[in-house]
């Protein structure tokens, strides 16, 4: 596929397309029109066609979209047609909860280990995933070919750990620590600020109450 500049807004919508198409596929539907997909997703049919045209279109006039084909192709665009090995840094409540999330492995994201400095946690298992001492991280990342680190540490420890992860060769960090990380340009960071999301919810709630 020819490389194109795709807007962040389009990229942000792709996982939602993938999720809805997966649900449609599970329901047994084999094809769907942009209009039908629009009514389910509350996105205009025109927007759907514009988004998908960035990647080749995938539809046929008068036929619509083959659900499985479109689901598979969006999966390829998102990079989940291949598996990605992950580690979770922080074995507390958040780290444990994420490690139990079954959809990760179903979609090719394999959590190979959890790392923590707490001696009371080291050696325990969350499901079938073991908690290791942070001192073993560098060797583990190399041995297990880890690509992604999930950072669930307190804000005070996150920046130092990010530096360690970069030095280990990690190229992608899913950051749940409530701080922005200073990493090299070739390291991808996806920040998940839960409180920011809650504040947006509060704003929308307040706006509706004022109407």
Protein backbone atom coordinates (compact mmCIF):
# COMPACT_ATOMS: atom_id res chain seq x y z
CA UNK A 1 0.00 0.00 0.00
CA UNK A 2 1.27 3.46 -0.94
CA UNK A 3 2.22 5.38 2.20
CA UNK A 4 -0.03 8.39 2.79
CA UNK A 5 -0.42 11.01 5.46
CA UNK A 6 -3.45 9.91 7.47
CA UNK A 7 -4.99 12.33 9.95
CA UNK A 8 -5.01 11.48 13.64
CA UNK A 9 -8.81 11.72 13.62
CA UNK A 10 -9.05 8.91 11.05
CA UNK A 11 -6.54 6.76 12.94
CA UNK A 12 -8.51 7.34 16.14
CA UNK A 13 -11.66 5.98 14.48
CA UNK A 14 -10.04 2.82 13.05
CA UNK A 15 -10.15 0.78 16.32
CA UNK A 16 -13.84 1.64 16.61
CA UNK A 17 -14.50 0.34 13.08
CA UNK A 18 -12.58 -2.80 13.95
CA UNK A 19 -14.59 -3.36 17.13
CA UNK A 20 -17.97 -2.82 15.48
CA UNK A 21 -17.09 -5.00 12.51
CA UNK A 22 -15.98 -7.76 14.90
CA UNK A 23 -19.37 -7.63 16.61
CA UNK A 24 -21.16 -7.65 13.24
CA UNK A 25 -19.05 -10.61 12.12
CA UNK A 26 -19.92 -12.50 15.32
CA UNK A 27 -23.62 -11.88 14.62
CA UNK A 28 -23.30 -13.78 11.33
CA UNK A 29 -23.66 -10.88 8.89
CA UNK A 30 -21.54 -11.31 5.77
CA UNK A 31 -21.90 -7.88 4.18
CA UNK A 32 -22.97 -4.43 5.25
CA UNK A 33 -23.55 -1.09 3.56
CA UNK A 34 -21.98 2.16 4.70
CA UNK A 35 -25.50 3.29 5.61
CA UNK A 36 -26.08 0.30 7.88
CA UNK A 37 -22.67 0.72 9.46
CA UNK A 38 -23.43 4.41 9.91
CA UNK A 39 -26.63 3.73 11.86
CA UNK A 40 -24.80 1.37 14.20
CA UNK A 41 -21.76 3.57 14.82
CA UNK A 42 -23.46 7.00 14.76
CA UNK A 43 -20.92 8.17 12.15
CA UNK A 44 -22.16 9.48 8.80
CA UNK A 45 -21.97 7.14 5.84
CA UNK A 46 -19.98 9.82 4.02
CA UNK A 47 -17.42 9.91 6.84
CA UNK A 48 -17.09 6.13 6.77
CA UNK A 49 -16.48 6.13 3.01
CA UNK A 50 -13.96 8.97 3.31
CA UNK A 51 -12.08 7.22 6.11
CA UNK A 52 -11.88 3.89 4.31
CA UNK A 53 -10.92 5.53 1.01
CA UNK A 54 -7.64 6.55 2.63
CA UNK A 55 -6.74 2.86 2.56
CA UNK A 56 -8.28 1.80 -0.74
CA UNK A 57 -12.02 1.91 -0.12
CA UNK A 58 -12.80 -1.84 0.25
CA UNK A 59 -16.46 -1.49 -0.82
CA UNK A 60 -18.38 -2.14 -4.03
CA UNK A 61 -21.22 0.10 -5.19
CA UNK A 62 -24.53 -1.72 -4.80
CA UNK A 63 -22.92 -4.43 -2.67
CA UNK A 64 -21.42 -2.67 0.32
CA UNK A 65 -18.61 -4.15 2.37
CA UNK A 66 -17.66 -7.76 2.91
CA UNK A 67 -17.60 -7.75 6.72
CA UNK A 68 -14.87 -10.34 7.25
CA UNK A 69 -12.62 -8.89 4.56
CA UNK A 70 -13.01 -5.34 5.88
CA UNK A 71 -12.46 -6.49 9.48
CA UNK A 72 -9.30 -8.36 8.45
CA UNK A 73 -7.96 -5.46 6.37
CA UNK A 74 -8.48 -2.92 9.16
CA UNK A 75 -6.75 -5.39 11.48
CA UNK A 76 -3.76 -5.37 9.12
CA UNK A 77 -3.74 -1.58 9.03
CA UNK A 78 -3.76 -1.55 12.84
CA UNK A 79 -0.92 -4.08 12.89
CA UNK A 80 -2.80 -6.85 14.68
CA UNK A 81 -2.38 -9.40 11.93
CA UNK A 82 0.85 -10.18 13.79
CA UNK A 83 1.47 -10.80 17.47
CA UNK A 84 3.11 -8.30 19.83
CA UNK A 85 4.86 -9.35 23.04
CA UNK A 86 4.23 -7.09 26.02
CA UNK A 87 5.29 -6.60 29.63
CA UNK A 88 3.39 -4.82 32.38
CA UNK A 89 5.48 -2.60 34.63
CA UNK A 90 3.74 -2.38 37.99
CA UNK A 91 2.01 -5.30 39.67
CA UNK A 92 -0.57 -3.26 41.60
CA UNK A 93 -4.32 -3.17 41.04
CA UNK A 94 -4.15 -1.53 37.61
CA UNK A 95 -1.38 -3.79 36.35
CA UNK A 96 -3.17 -6.90 37.59
CA UNK A 97 -6.47 -5.84 36.06
CA UNK A 98 -4.90 -5.21 32.65
CA UNK A 99 -3.08 -8.54 32.81
CA UNK A 100 -6.42 -10.34 33.21
CA UNK A 101 -7.97 -8.74 30.14
CA UNK A 102 -8.60 -11.68 27.80
CA UNK A 103 -9.12 -9.61 24.63
CA UNK A 104 -5.43 -8.66 24.56
CA UNK A 105 -4.24 -12.15 23.67
CA UNK A 106 -7.26 -12.77 21.45
CA UNK A 107 -6.07 -9.87 19.30
CA UNK A 108 -2.39 -10.80 19.32
CA UNK A 109 -1.14 -8.78 22.31
CA UNK A 110 0.64 -11.29 24.53
CA UNK A 111 1.58 -10.24 28.05
CA UNK A 112 4.69 -12.26 28.80
CA UNK A 113 5.41 -10.98 32.30
CA UNK A 114 4.69 -8.44 35.02
CA UNK A 115 7.48 -6.54 36.78
CA UNK A 116 7.51 -4.96 40.22
CA UNK A 117 9.91 -3.99 43.03
CA UNK A 118 7.60 -5.17 45.83
CA UNK A 119 9.06 -8.39 47.33
CA UNK A 120 5.56 -9.43 48.46
CA UNK A 121 4.42 -9.59 44.84
CA UNK A 122 7.48 -11.11 43.17
CA UNK A 123 6.98 -14.77 42.33
CA UNK A 124 3.18 -14.60 42.38
CA UNK A 125 1.06 -15.23 39.30
CA UNK A 126 -1.84 -13.27 37.89
CA UNK A 127 -3.64 -15.99 35.96
CA UNK A 128 -0.75 -17.66 34.19
CA UNK A 129 1.42 -14.52 34.09
CA UNK A 130 4.26 -14.36 36.62
CA UNK A 131 5.46 -11.29 38.47
CA UNK A 132 9.24 -10.80 38.19
CA UNK A 133 11.66 -8.43 39.91
CA UNK A 134 12.39 -5.27 37.95
CA UNK A 135 16.08 -6.17 38.06
CA UNK A 136 15.33 -9.00 35.58
CA UNK A 137 13.68 -6.66 33.06
CA UNK A 138 16.55 -6.04 30.65
CA UNK A 139 17.37 -9.73 30.13
CA UNK A 140 13.65 -10.63 29.90
CA UNK A 141 12.94 -8.00 27.22
CA UNK A 142 15.78 -9.30 25.10
CA UNK A 143 14.96 -12.98 25.60
CA UNK A 144 11.20 -12.68 25.00
CA UNK A 145 11.51 -10.12 22.17
CA UNK A 146 9.28 -7.61 23.96
CA UNK A 147 7.96 -4.73 21.84
CA UNK A 148 5.46 -2.99 24.11
CA UNK A 149 5.63 -1.99 27.77
CA UNK A 150 2.50 -1.15 29.74
CA UNK A 151 3.42 1.41 32.39
CA UNK A 152 1.15 1.39 35.47
CA UNK A 153 3.53 2.95 37.99
CA UNK A 154 2.95 6.02 40.18
CA UNK A 155 3.80 9.34 38.54
CA UNK A 156 6.95 9.70 40.67
CA UNK A 157 8.50 6.51 39.27
CA UNK A 158 7.26 6.66 35.68
CA UNK A 159 9.92 8.88 34.08
CA UNK A 160 12.83 6.89 35.48
CA UNK A 161 11.24 3.63 34.36
CA UNK A 162 10.60 5.06 30.89
CA UNK A 163 14.35 5.74 30.59
CA UNK A 164 15.07 2.15 31.61
CA UNK A 165 12.57 0.80 29.08
CA UNK A 166 14.11 2.86 26.29
CA UNK A 167 17.58 1.61 27.23
CA UNK A 168 16.22 -1.96 27.07
CA UNK A 169 15.14 -1.39 23.47
CA UNK A 170 11.40 -0.95 24.02
CA UNK A 171 9.86 0.99 21.12
CA UNK A 172 6.28 1.42 22.35
CA UNK A 173 4.92 2.43 25.77
CA UNK A 174 1.29 2.34 26.84
CA UNK A 175 1.42 4.90 29.63
CA UNK A 176 -1.16 4.84 32.44
CA UNK A 177 0.99 7.02 34.73
CA UNK A 178 -0.47 10.51 35.03
CA UNK A 179 2.58 12.23 33.56
CA UNK A 180 4.00 12.93 30.13
CA UNK A 181 7.13 10.98 29.27
CA UNK A 182 10.26 12.40 27.67
CA UNK A 183 11.41 9.71 25.25
CA UNK A 184 13.28 9.65 21.91
CA UNK A 185 11.29 10.35 18.74
CA UNK A 186 11.52 6.73 17.62
CA UNK A 187 9.68 5.52 20.75
CA UNK A 188 5.88 5.59 20.45
CA UNK A 189 3.91 6.57 23.56
CA UNK A 190 0.15 6.25 23.96
CA UNK A 191 -0.97 8.12 27.08
CA UNK A 192 -4.06 7.00 28.96
CA UNK A 193 -5.05 9.71 31.42
CA UNK A 194 -8.06 8.26 33.23
CA UNK A 195 -8.75 11.42 35.22
CA UNK A 196 -8.79 13.52 32.04
CA UNK A 197 -11.49 11.21 30.69
CA UNK A 198 -13.48 11.57 33.91
CA UNK A 199 -13.22 15.37 33.68
CA UNK A 200 -14.55 15.30 30.11
CA UNK A 201 -17.44 13.18 31.36
CA UNK A 202 -18.08 15.69 34.15
CA UNK A 203 -18.04 18.58 31.65
CA UNK A 204 -20.56 16.85 29.38
CA UNK A 205 -22.78 16.00 32.34
CA UNK A 206 -22.71 19.61 33.50
CA UNK A 207 -23.48 20.85 30.00
CA UNK A 208 -26.56 18.63 29.71
CA UNK A 209 -27.79 19.70 33.13
CA UNK A 210 -27.60 23.38 32.07
CA UNK A 211 -29.73 22.86 28.97
